[in-house]
Amino acid sequence: NSLLYRENLLKKLKQKVQKQVDWLDESPPFDNVQVQAATTINELDNAYTAPVFGFEDFIDYYNKSSSVHFISNITVPTMVLNSLDDPFFDAAAYPMEDNSVPVKLVYTKNGGHLGHMFHEEGQEKSGEGEDKHKISWMPNELVRFVRHVEVKVFETGWPENVEPLKSYESSAVEVISR
């Protein structure tokens, strides 16, 4: 449940900030009362992240820190994987596919925040005996992507064009196009 996850993360972040305050010999560059009173990540970012790192507020922080401003500068084959149910990011803000850059954007309906990195029951296992490890989808997907790029570069001499990347199809059960 993303609500429980956010609440737990917020609690842990506030504890970390409090430890910093306890270690400091001088007043911190933020209002710790506001930090400890925060009930959302946005409120915590307003009270802590923005003043510590020189942003006006959490909106300024998110806007200036967003990778969307840098995607057009990418020159090597890149796969960007996001889940539309990630509790930290508004899916409406995810970038649209830009066919002029070698970036493949993959959006899945489910996965949460970092959920593609973790294992699920019923997945294949590798290894033998006690050394068997569950295999996550995301690392396998990354290997598929790198192999696709490698084959297409060999076949076409890419990166002179981005056509090879357009032909990549994710193995995700449900990929959402934007």
N, C-alpha and C. Protein backbone atom coordinates (compact mmCIF):
# COMPACT_ATOMS: atom_id res chain seq x y z
N ASN A 1 0.85 -1.18 0.00
CA ASN A 1 0.00 0.00 0.00
C ASN A 1 0.89 1.24 0.00
N SER A 2 0.71 2.10 -0.98
CA SER A 2 1.58 3.27 -1.11
C SER A 2 1.41 4.25 0.04
N LEU A 3 0.22 4.32 0.63
CA LEU A 3 0.00 5.23 1.76
C LEU A 3 0.86 4.81 2.95
N LEU A 4 0.88 3.52 3.26
CA LEU A 4 1.71 3.02 4.36
C LEU A 4 3.19 3.25 4.07
N TYR A 5 3.57 3.02 2.82
CA TYR A 5 4.96 3.22 2.43
C TYR A 5 5.37 4.67 2.63
N ARG A 6 4.53 5.59 2.17
CA ARG A 6 4.84 7.02 2.31
C ARG A 6 4.93 7.42 3.77
N GLU A 7 3.98 6.94 4.57
CA GLU A 7 3.99 7.29 6.00
C GLU A 7 5.25 6.76 6.68
N ASN A 8 5.64 5.54 6.36
CA ASN A 8 6.84 4.96 6.94
C ASN A 8 8.09 5.72 6.49
N LEU A 9 8.15 6.05 5.21
CA LEU A 9 9.29 6.81 4.70
C LEU A 9 9.36 8.18 5.36
N LEU A 10 8.23 8.85 5.47
CA LEU A 10 8.19 10.17 6.10
C LEU A 10 8.69 10.09 7.55
N LYS A 11 8.24 9.09 8.27
CA LYS A 11 8.67 8.89 9.66
C LYS A 11 10.18 8.71 9.73
N LYS A 12 10.73 7.87 8.86
CA LYS A 12 12.18 7.62 8.87
C LYS A 12 12.97 8.87 8.48
N LEU A 13 12.48 9.62 7.50
CA LEU A 13 13.17 10.84 7.10
C LEU A 13 13.19 11.86 8.23
N LYS A 14 12.08 11.99 8.92
CA LYS A 14 12.01 12.94 10.04
C LYS A 14 12.97 12.51 11.16
N GLN A 15 13.10 11.21 11.38
CA GLN A 15 14.05 10.72 12.38
C GLN A 15 15.49 11.06 11.97
N LYS A 16 15.80 10.91 10.69
CA LYS A 16 17.15 11.24 10.20
C LYS A 16 17.44 12.73 10.36
N VAL A 17 16.46 13.56 10.05
CA VAL A 17 16.64 15.00 10.22
C VAL A 17 16.88 15.32 11.69
N GLN A 18 16.11 14.70 12.56
CA GLN A 18 16.28 14.94 14.00
C GLN A 18 17.68 14.56 14.46
N LYS A 19 18.22 13.46 13.95
CA LYS A 19 19.59 13.06 14.30
C LYS A 19 20.59 14.13 13.85
N GLN A 20 20.37 14.69 12.67
CA GLN A 20 21.25 15.76 12.19
C GLN A 20 21.19 16.96 13.13
N VAL A 21 19.99 17.33 13.54
CA VAL A 21 19.81 18.46 14.45
C VAL A 21 20.52 18.18 15.77
N ASP A 22 20.40 16.97 16.27
CA ASP A 22 21.04 16.59 17.54
C ASP A 22 22.56 16.66 17.44
N TRP A 23 23.12 16.40 16.27
CA TRP A 23 24.58 16.42 16.09
C TRP A 23 25.13 17.82 15.89
N LEU A 24 24.29 18.73 15.40
CA LEU A 24 24.77 20.08 15.09
C LEU A 24 25.09 20.88 16.35
N ASP A 25 26.14 21.68 16.25
CA ASP A 25 26.51 22.59 17.34
C ASP A 25 25.83 23.95 17.18
N GLU A 26 25.25 24.18 16.02
CA GLU A 26 24.62 25.47 15.74
C GLU A 26 23.22 25.24 15.18
N SER A 27 22.49 26.30 14.99
CA SER A 27 21.14 26.19 14.45
C SER A 27 21.18 25.68 13.01
N PRO A 28 20.30 24.77 12.66
CA PRO A 28 20.28 24.26 11.28
C PRO A 28 19.71 25.30 10.32
N PRO A 29 19.99 25.15 9.03
CA PRO A 29 19.48 26.10 8.03
C PRO A 29 18.02 25.82 7.63
N PHE A 30 17.28 25.18 8.51
CA PHE A 30 15.88 24.86 8.26
C PHE A 30 15.13 24.89 9.58
N ASP A 31 13.81 24.90 9.50
CA ASP A 31 12.96 24.94 10.69
C ASP A 31 12.59 23.51 11.07
N ASN A 32 13.25 22.97 12.10
CA ASN A 32 13.02 21.58 12.49
C ASN A 32 11.61 21.37 13.04
N VAL A 33 11.00 22.39 13.60
CA VAL A 33 9.62 22.25 14.08
C VAL A 33 8.70 21.95 12.89
N GLN A 34 8.92 22.66 11.78
CA GLN A 34 8.13 22.40 10.57
C GLN A 34 8.42 21.01 10.01
N VAL A 35 9.69 20.62 10.05
CA VAL A 35 10.05 19.29 9.56
C VAL A 35 9.31 18.22 10.35
N GLN A 36 9.37 18.31 11.66
CA GLN A 36 8.75 17.29 12.51
C GLN A 36 7.23 17.33 12.42
N ALA A 37 6.65 18.45 12.04
CA ALA A 37 5.20 18.57 11.90
C ALA A 37 4.71 18.15 10.51
N ALA A 38 5.63 17.90 9.59
CA ALA A 38 5.25 17.55 8.22
C ALA A 38 4.40 16.27 8.20
N THR A 39 3.34 16.31 7.42
CA THR A 39 2.48 15.13 7.28
C THR A 39 2.55 14.54 5.88
N THR A 40 3.31 15.19 4.99
CA THR A 40 3.51 14.68 3.63
C THR A 40 4.97 14.88 3.24
N ILE A 41 5.40 14.16 2.22
CA ILE A 41 6.76 14.33 1.69
C ILE A 41 6.92 15.75 1.15
N ASN A 42 5.89 16.28 0.50
CA ASN A 42 5.97 17.65 -0.02
C ASN A 42 6.21 18.65 1.10
N GLU A 43 5.52 18.49 2.23
CA GLU A 43 5.72 19.39 3.37
C GLU A 43 7.14 19.25 3.91
N LEU A 44 7.65 18.03 3.96
CA LEU A 44 9.02 17.82 4.43
C LEU A 44 10.01 18.47 3.46
N ASP A 45 9.76 18.32 2.16
CA ASP A 45 10.65 18.95 1.17
C ASP A 45 10.59 20.48 1.27
N ASN A 46 9.43 21.04 1.58
CA ASN A 46 9.33 22.49 1.80
C ASN A 46 10.12 22.92 3.03
N ALA A 47 10.02 22.15 4.10
CA ALA A 47 10.65 22.52 5.36
C ALA A 47 12.13 22.19 5.42
N TYR A 48 12.57 21.15 4.73
CA TYR A 48 13.96 20.70 4.85
C TYR A 48 14.74 20.81 3.53
N THR A 49 14.32 20.06 2.53
CA THR A 49 15.09 19.96 1.29
C THR A 49 15.28 21.31 0.61
N ALA A 50 14.19 22.05 0.45
CA ALA A 50 14.28 23.34 -0.25
C ALA A 50 15.25 24.31 0.43
N PRO A 51 15.13 24.57 1.74
CA PRO A 51 16.07 25.53 2.34
C PRO A 51 17.51 25.02 2.40
N VAL A 52 17.70 23.73 2.63
CA VAL A 52 19.06 23.19 2.73
C VAL A 52 19.79 23.26 1.39
N PHE A 53 19.07 23.04 0.30
CA PHE A 53 19.72 22.98 -1.01
C PHE A 53 19.44 24.20 -1.88
N GLY A 54 18.85 25.25 -1.31
CA GLY A 54 18.71 26.52 -2.02
C GLY A 54 17.55 26.63 -2.98
N PHE A 55 16.50 25.86 -2.77
CA PHE A 55 15.32 25.96 -3.62
C PHE A 55 14.27 26.83 -2.93
N GLU A 56 13.37 27.41 -3.73
CA GLU A 56 12.31 28.26 -3.17
C GLU A 56 11.32 27.44 -2.35
N ASP A 57 10.93 26.29 -2.89
CA ASP A 57 9.97 25.41 -2.24
C ASP A 57 10.05 24.04 -2.91
N PHE A 58 9.16 23.11 -2.52
CA PHE A 58 9.25 21.77 -3.09
C PHE A 58 8.95 21.77 -4.59
N ILE A 59 8.11 22.66 -5.06
CA ILE A 59 7.80 22.73 -6.49
C ILE A 59 9.04 23.16 -7.27
N ASP A 60 9.75 24.17 -6.78
CA ASP A 60 10.99 24.62 -7.40
C ASP A 60 12.02 23.48 -7.39
N TYR A 61 12.11 22.77 -6.27
CA TYR A 61 13.03 21.63 -6.14
C TYR A 61 12.69 20.56 -7.17
N TYR A 62 11.43 20.16 -7.26
CA TYR A 62 11.03 19.11 -8.19
C TYR A 62 11.25 19.55 -9.63
N ASN A 63 10.89 20.79 -9.96
CA ASN A 63 11.05 21.28 -11.33
C ASN A 63 12.51 21.32 -11.75
N LYS A 64 13.37 21.85 -10.89
CA LYS A 64 14.78 21.99 -11.26
C LYS A 64 15.55 20.68 -11.19
N SER A 65 15.04 19.71 -10.44
CA SER A 65 15.73 18.43 -10.29
C SER A 65 15.23 17.37 -11.27
N SER A 66 14.18 17.65 -11.98
CA SER A 66 13.57 16.67 -12.87
C SER A 66 14.50 16.29 -14.02
N SER A 67 14.55 15.01 -14.32
CA SER A 67 15.37 14.54 -15.43
C SER A 67 14.77 14.90 -16.78
N VAL A 68 13.52 15.32 -16.81
CA VAL A 68 12.87 15.65 -18.07
C VAL A 68 13.64 16.74 -18.83
N HIS A 69 14.35 17.59 -18.11
CA HIS A 69 15.12 18.67 -18.74
C HIS A 69 16.39 18.17 -19.43
N PHE A 70 16.79 16.94 -19.14
CA PHE A 70 18.06 16.44 -19.63
C PHE A 70 17.93 15.31 -20.65
N ILE A 71 16.75 14.76 -20.80
CA ILE A 71 16.56 13.61 -21.69
C ILE A 71 16.99 13.93 -23.11
N SER A 72 16.71 15.12 -23.58
CA SER A 72 17.06 15.47 -24.96
C SER A 72 18.57 15.54 -25.19
N ASN A 73 19.36 15.56 -24.12
CA ASN A 73 20.82 15.60 -24.25
C ASN A 73 21.46 14.22 -24.25
N ILE A 74 20.67 13.18 -24.04
CA ILE A 74 21.21 11.82 -23.99
C ILE A 74 21.64 11.39 -25.38
N THR A 75 22.85 10.83 -25.48
CA THR A 75 23.37 10.42 -26.78
C THR A 75 23.68 8.93 -26.87
N VAL A 76 23.52 8.20 -25.80
CA VAL A 76 23.76 6.76 -25.82
C VAL A 76 22.44 6.03 -25.57
N PRO A 77 22.30 4.82 -26.06
CA PRO A 77 21.05 4.08 -25.85
C PRO A 77 20.71 3.97 -24.37
N THR A 78 19.50 4.36 -24.04
CA THR A 78 19.07 4.41 -22.64
C THR A 78 17.63 3.92 -22.54
N MET A 79 17.37 3.09 -21.54
CA MET A 79 15.99 2.69 -21.24
C MET A 79 15.60 3.34 -19.93
N VAL A 80 14.47 4.03 -19.91
CA VAL A 80 13.95 4.65 -18.70
C VAL A 80 12.70 3.87 -18.32
N LEU A 81 12.69 3.31 -17.12
CA LEU A 81 11.58 2.49 -16.65
C LEU A 81 10.88 3.18 -15.50
N ASN A 82 9.59 3.41 -15.65
CA ASN A 82 8.79 4.00 -14.58
C ASN A 82 7.50 3.20 -14.43
N SER A 83 6.99 3.21 -13.22
CA SER A 83 5.70 2.60 -12.95
C SER A 83 4.69 3.72 -12.73
N LEU A 84 3.52 3.58 -13.33
CA LEU A 84 2.51 4.63 -13.22
C LEU A 84 1.92 4.72 -11.82
N ASP A 85 2.13 3.68 -10.99
CA ASP A 85 1.61 3.74 -9.62
C ASP A 85 2.70 4.08 -8.59
N ASP A 86 3.82 4.65 -9.05
CA ASP A 86 4.88 5.06 -8.13
C ASP A 86 4.35 6.18 -7.25
N PRO A 87 4.36 5.99 -5.92
CA PRO A 87 3.78 7.00 -5.04
C PRO A 87 4.55 8.31 -4.97
N PHE A 88 5.78 8.34 -5.50
CA PHE A 88 6.59 9.55 -5.42
C PHE A 88 6.49 10.43 -6.65
N PHE A 89 5.94 9.91 -7.73
CA PHE A 89 5.93 10.67 -8.97
C PHE A 89 4.54 10.70 -9.57
N ASP A 90 4.14 11.85 -10.04
CA ASP A 90 2.86 12.00 -10.72
C ASP A 90 3.05 11.53 -12.16
N ALA A 91 2.33 10.50 -12.55
CA ALA A 91 2.49 9.94 -13.89
C ALA A 91 2.24 10.97 -14.98
N ALA A 92 1.44 11.97 -14.71
CA ALA A 92 1.17 13.02 -15.71
C ALA A 92 2.43 13.81 -16.04
N ALA A 93 3.42 13.78 -15.15
CA ALA A 93 4.65 14.54 -15.37
C ALA A 93 5.72 13.72 -16.11
N TYR A 94 5.47 12.43 -16.33
CA TYR A 94 6.46 11.62 -17.03
C TYR A 94 6.61 12.13 -18.46
N PRO A 95 7.82 12.11 -18.99
CA PRO A 95 8.03 12.63 -20.34
C PRO A 95 7.38 11.74 -21.41
N MET A 96 7.11 12.35 -22.53
CA MET A 96 6.58 11.64 -23.69
C MET A 96 7.76 11.11 -24.49
N GLU A 97 7.51 10.11 -25.30
CA GLU A 97 8.55 9.55 -26.17
C GLU A 97 9.03 10.63 -27.14
N ASP A 98 10.34 10.77 -27.27
CA ASP A 98 10.94 11.73 -28.20
C ASP A 98 11.80 10.92 -29.15
N ASN A 99 11.34 10.74 -30.37
CA ASN A 99 12.03 9.87 -31.31
C ASN A 99 13.35 10.44 -31.83
N SER A 100 13.70 11.65 -31.41
CA SER A 100 14.95 12.24 -31.88
C SER A 100 16.12 11.88 -30.97
N VAL A 101 15.86 11.22 -29.85
CA VAL A 101 16.93 10.83 -28.94
C VAL A 101 16.89 9.32 -28.72
N PRO A 102 18.04 8.71 -28.41
CA PRO A 102 18.10 7.26 -28.23
C PRO A 102 17.63 6.80 -26.85
N VAL A 103 16.41 7.17 -26.50
CA VAL A 103 15.86 6.82 -25.20
C VAL A 103 14.56 6.05 -25.40
N LYS A 104 14.46 4.90 -24.77
CA LYS A 104 13.23 4.12 -24.80
C LYS A 104 12.55 4.29 -23.45
N LEU A 105 11.36 4.88 -23.45
CA LEU A 105 10.60 5.08 -22.23
C LEU A 105 9.64 3.91 -22.06
N VAL A 106 9.75 3.23 -20.92
CA VAL A 106 8.88 2.09 -20.62
C VAL A 106 8.10 2.42 -19.36
N TYR A 107 6.78 2.48 -19.50
CA TYR A 107 5.90 2.75 -18.36
C TYR A 107 5.05 1.52 -18.10
N THR A 108 5.10 1.01 -16.89
CA THR A 108 4.26 -0.12 -16.53
C THR A 108 3.12 0.36 -15.64
N LYS A 109 2.02 -0.37 -15.67
CA LYS A 109 0.86 0.01 -14.86
C LYS A 109 1.17 -0.15 -13.38
N ASN A 110 1.87 -1.21 -13.02
CA ASN A 110 2.18 -1.51 -11.62
C ASN A 110 3.68 -1.63 -11.43
N GLY A 111 4.11 -1.51 -10.19
CA GLY A 111 5.53 -1.64 -9.87
C GLY A 111 5.90 -0.77 -8.69
N GLY A 112 5.12 0.28 -8.44
CA GLY A 112 5.39 1.13 -7.29
C GLY A 112 6.73 1.83 -7.42
N HIS A 113 7.32 2.15 -6.29
CA HIS A 113 8.62 2.83 -6.25
C HIS A 113 9.69 1.77 -6.03
N LEU A 114 10.52 1.54 -7.02
CA LEU A 114 11.58 0.54 -7.00
C LEU A 114 11.04 -0.89 -6.98
N GLY A 115 9.75 -1.07 -7.23
CA GLY A 115 9.15 -2.40 -7.18
C GLY A 115 9.67 -3.35 -8.23
N HIS A 116 10.15 -2.84 -9.35
CA HIS A 116 10.67 -3.71 -10.41
C HIS A 116 11.99 -4.36 -10.01
N MET A 117 12.60 -3.87 -8.95
CA MET A 117 13.90 -4.40 -8.53
C MET A 117 13.77 -5.57 -7.58
N PHE A 118 12.57 -5.81 -7.06
CA PHE A 118 12.42 -6.82 -6.03
C PHE A 118 11.79 -8.08 -6.58
N HIS A 119 11.94 -9.14 -5.83
CA HIS A 119 11.51 -10.46 -6.27
C HIS A 119 10.07 -10.73 -5.86
N GLU A 120 9.41 -11.58 -6.62
CA GLU A 120 8.05 -11.98 -6.31
C GLU A 120 7.99 -13.50 -6.24
N GLU A 121 7.07 -14.00 -5.45
CA GLU A 121 6.87 -15.44 -5.37
C GLU A 121 6.49 -15.97 -6.75
N GLY A 122 6.92 -17.19 -7.03
CA GLY A 122 6.54 -17.82 -8.27
C GLY A 122 7.44 -17.48 -9.45
N GLN A 123 8.45 -16.67 -9.24
CA GLN A 123 9.35 -16.34 -10.34
C GLN A 123 10.36 -17.47 -10.52
N GLU A 124 10.97 -17.49 -11.70
CA GLU A 124 12.02 -18.47 -11.97
C GLU A 124 13.15 -18.30 -10.96
N LYS A 125 13.90 -19.39 -10.79
CA LYS A 125 15.05 -19.31 -9.90
C LYS A 125 16.28 -19.74 -10.68
N SER A 126 17.43 -19.19 -10.30
CA SER A 126 18.68 -19.57 -10.93
C SER A 126 19.60 -20.14 -9.86
N GLY A 127 20.56 -20.92 -10.27
CA GLY A 127 21.48 -21.52 -9.30
C GLY A 127 21.05 -22.93 -8.95
N GLU A 128 21.76 -23.52 -8.00
CA GLU A 128 21.47 -24.89 -7.61
C GLU A 128 21.29 -24.99 -6.11
N GLY A 129 20.46 -25.93 -5.67
CA GLY A 129 20.28 -26.21 -4.25
C GLY A 129 19.95 -24.98 -3.45
N GLU A 130 20.65 -24.81 -2.33
CA GLU A 130 20.42 -23.69 -1.42
C GLU A 130 20.81 -22.35 -2.04
N ASP A 131 21.61 -22.38 -3.12
CA ASP A 131 22.09 -21.15 -3.74
C ASP A 131 21.11 -20.56 -4.76
N LYS A 132 19.91 -21.15 -4.85
CA LYS A 132 18.94 -20.63 -5.82
C LYS A 132 18.49 -19.23 -5.40
N HIS A 133 18.42 -18.35 -6.38
CA HIS A 133 17.97 -16.97 -6.14
C HIS A 133 16.80 -16.68 -7.07
N LYS A 134 15.82 -15.98 -6.55
CA LYS A 134 14.70 -15.56 -7.38
C LYS A 134 15.18 -14.50 -8.36
N ILE A 135 14.66 -14.54 -9.56
CA ILE A 135 15.08 -13.61 -10.61
C ILE A 135 14.06 -12.48 -10.72
N SER A 136 14.52 -11.25 -10.65
CA SER A 136 13.65 -10.08 -10.79
C SER A 136 13.41 -9.77 -12.26
N TRP A 137 12.28 -9.14 -12.56
CA TRP A 137 11.95 -8.79 -13.93
C TRP A 137 12.86 -7.70 -14.47
N MET A 138 13.12 -6.65 -13.69
CA MET A 138 13.84 -5.48 -14.19
C MET A 138 15.26 -5.81 -14.67
N PRO A 139 16.07 -6.56 -13.92
CA PRO A 139 17.41 -6.87 -14.45
C PRO A 139 17.34 -7.68 -15.74
N ASN A 140 16.38 -8.59 -15.83
CA ASN A 140 16.22 -9.36 -17.07
C ASN A 140 15.82 -8.45 -18.23
N GLU A 141 14.95 -7.50 -17.95
CA GLU A 141 14.51 -6.55 -18.98
C GLU A 141 15.69 -5.70 -19.44
N LEU A 142 16.52 -5.29 -18.52
CA LEU A 142 17.70 -4.50 -18.87
C LEU A 142 18.65 -5.30 -19.76
N VAL A 143 18.85 -6.57 -19.44
CA VAL A 143 19.70 -7.43 -20.28
C VAL A 143 19.10 -7.55 -21.68
N ARG A 144 17.79 -7.74 -21.78
CA ARG A 144 17.13 -7.81 -23.09
C ARG A 144 17.37 -6.53 -23.88
N PHE A 145 17.26 -5.39 -23.20
CA PHE A 145 17.45 -4.10 -23.86
C PHE A 145 18.89 -3.96 -24.38
N VAL A 146 19.85 -4.26 -23.54
CA VAL A 146 21.27 -4.14 -23.93
C VAL A 146 21.57 -5.07 -25.10
N ARG A 147 21.05 -6.29 -25.06
CA ARG A 147 21.27 -7.23 -26.18
C ARG A 147 20.64 -6.69 -27.46
N HIS A 148 19.46 -6.14 -27.37
CA HIS A 148 18.78 -5.56 -28.53
C HIS A 148 19.64 -4.45 -29.14
N VAL A 149 20.12 -3.57 -28.29
CA VAL A 149 20.95 -2.45 -28.77
C VAL A 149 22.22 -2.99 -29.41
N GLU A 150 22.85 -3.96 -28.76
CA GLU A 150 24.09 -4.53 -29.29
C GLU A 150 23.88 -5.12 -30.68
N VAL A 151 22.83 -5.88 -30.86
CA VAL A 151 22.53 -6.49 -32.16
C VAL A 151 22.25 -5.41 -33.20
N LYS A 152 21.45 -4.42 -32.84
CA LYS A 152 21.09 -3.37 -33.79
C LYS A 152 22.29 -2.50 -34.17
N VAL A 153 23.17 -2.24 -33.22
CA VAL A 153 24.38 -1.47 -33.53
C VAL A 153 25.24 -2.26 -34.50
N PHE A 154 25.38 -3.55 -34.27
CA PHE A 154 26.17 -4.39 -35.16
C PHE A 154 25.56 -4.42 -36.56
N GLU A 155 24.22 -4.51 -36.63
CA GLU A 155 23.53 -4.60 -37.92
C GLU A 155 23.52 -3.28 -38.69
N THR A 156 23.38 -2.16 -38.00
CA THR A 156 23.11 -0.90 -38.69
C THR A 156 24.17 0.17 -38.51
N GLY A 157 25.13 -0.06 -37.61
CA GLY A 157 26.12 0.97 -37.35
C GLY A 157 25.58 2.10 -36.50
N TRP A 158 24.45 1.84 -35.88
CA TRP A 158 23.86 2.84 -34.99
C TRP A 158 24.91 3.27 -34.00
N PRO A 159 25.04 4.51 -33.56
CA PRO A 159 23.98 5.49 -33.34
C PRO A 159 23.76 6.53 -34.43
N GLU A 160 24.12 6.25 -35.66
CA GLU A 160 23.86 7.24 -36.71
C GLU A 160 22.37 7.53 -36.85
N ASN A 161 21.53 6.58 -36.45
CA ASN A 161 20.08 6.82 -36.46
C ASN A 161 19.48 6.13 -35.24
N VAL A 162 18.24 6.45 -34.95
CA VAL A 162 17.62 5.88 -33.74
C VAL A 162 16.59 4.80 -34.07
N GLU A 163 16.48 4.41 -35.31
CA GLU A 163 15.51 3.38 -35.69
C GLU A 163 15.66 2.09 -34.88
N PRO A 164 16.86 1.59 -34.62
CA PRO A 164 16.97 0.34 -33.88
C PRO A 164 16.30 0.38 -32.51
N LEU A 165 16.34 1.51 -31.87
CA LEU A 165 15.75 1.61 -30.53
C LEU A 165 14.23 1.61 -30.60
N LYS A 166 13.68 2.19 -31.65
CA LYS A 166 12.23 2.21 -31.81
C LYS A 166 11.66 0.79 -31.90
N SER A 167 12.44 -0.14 -32.42
CA SER A 167 11.95 -1.51 -32.61
C SER A 167 11.97 -2.34 -31.34
N TYR A 168 12.51 -1.82 -30.26
CA TYR A 168 12.57 -2.58 -29.01
C TYR A 168 11.19 -2.68 -28.38
N GLU A 169 10.79 -3.88 -28.02
CA GLU A 169 9.51 -4.10 -27.34
C GLU A 169 9.79 -4.66 -25.96
N SER A 170 9.27 -4.03 -24.95
CA SER A 170 9.44 -4.48 -23.57
C SER A 170 8.73 -5.80 -23.34
N SER A 171 9.25 -6.60 -22.42
CA SER A 171 8.61 -7.87 -22.05
C SER A 171 7.60 -7.68 -20.93
N ALA A 172 7.36 -6.45 -20.52
CA ALA A 172 6.41 -6.19 -19.43
C ALA A 172 5.03 -6.71 -19.82
N VAL A 173 4.31 -7.19 -18.83
CA VAL A 173 2.97 -7.70 -19.07
C VAL A 173 2.10 -6.60 -19.67
N GLU A 174 2.21 -5.42 -19.12
CA GLU A 174 1.41 -4.30 -19.62
C GLU A 174 2.28 -3.05 -19.67
N VAL A 175 2.58 -2.60 -20.88
CA VAL A 175 3.35 -1.38 -21.07
C VAL A 175 2.38 -0.30 -21.54
N ILE A 176 2.45 0.84 -20.89
CA ILE A 176 1.56 1.94 -21.21
C ILE A 176 2.31 2.93 -22.10
N SER A 177 1.74 3.26 -23.23
CA SER A 177 2.35 4.26 -24.11
C SER A 177 1.83 5.63 -23.73
N ARG A 178 2.71 6.64 -23.80
CA ARG A 178 2.29 8.02 -23.51
C ARG A 178 2.54 8.85 -24.73
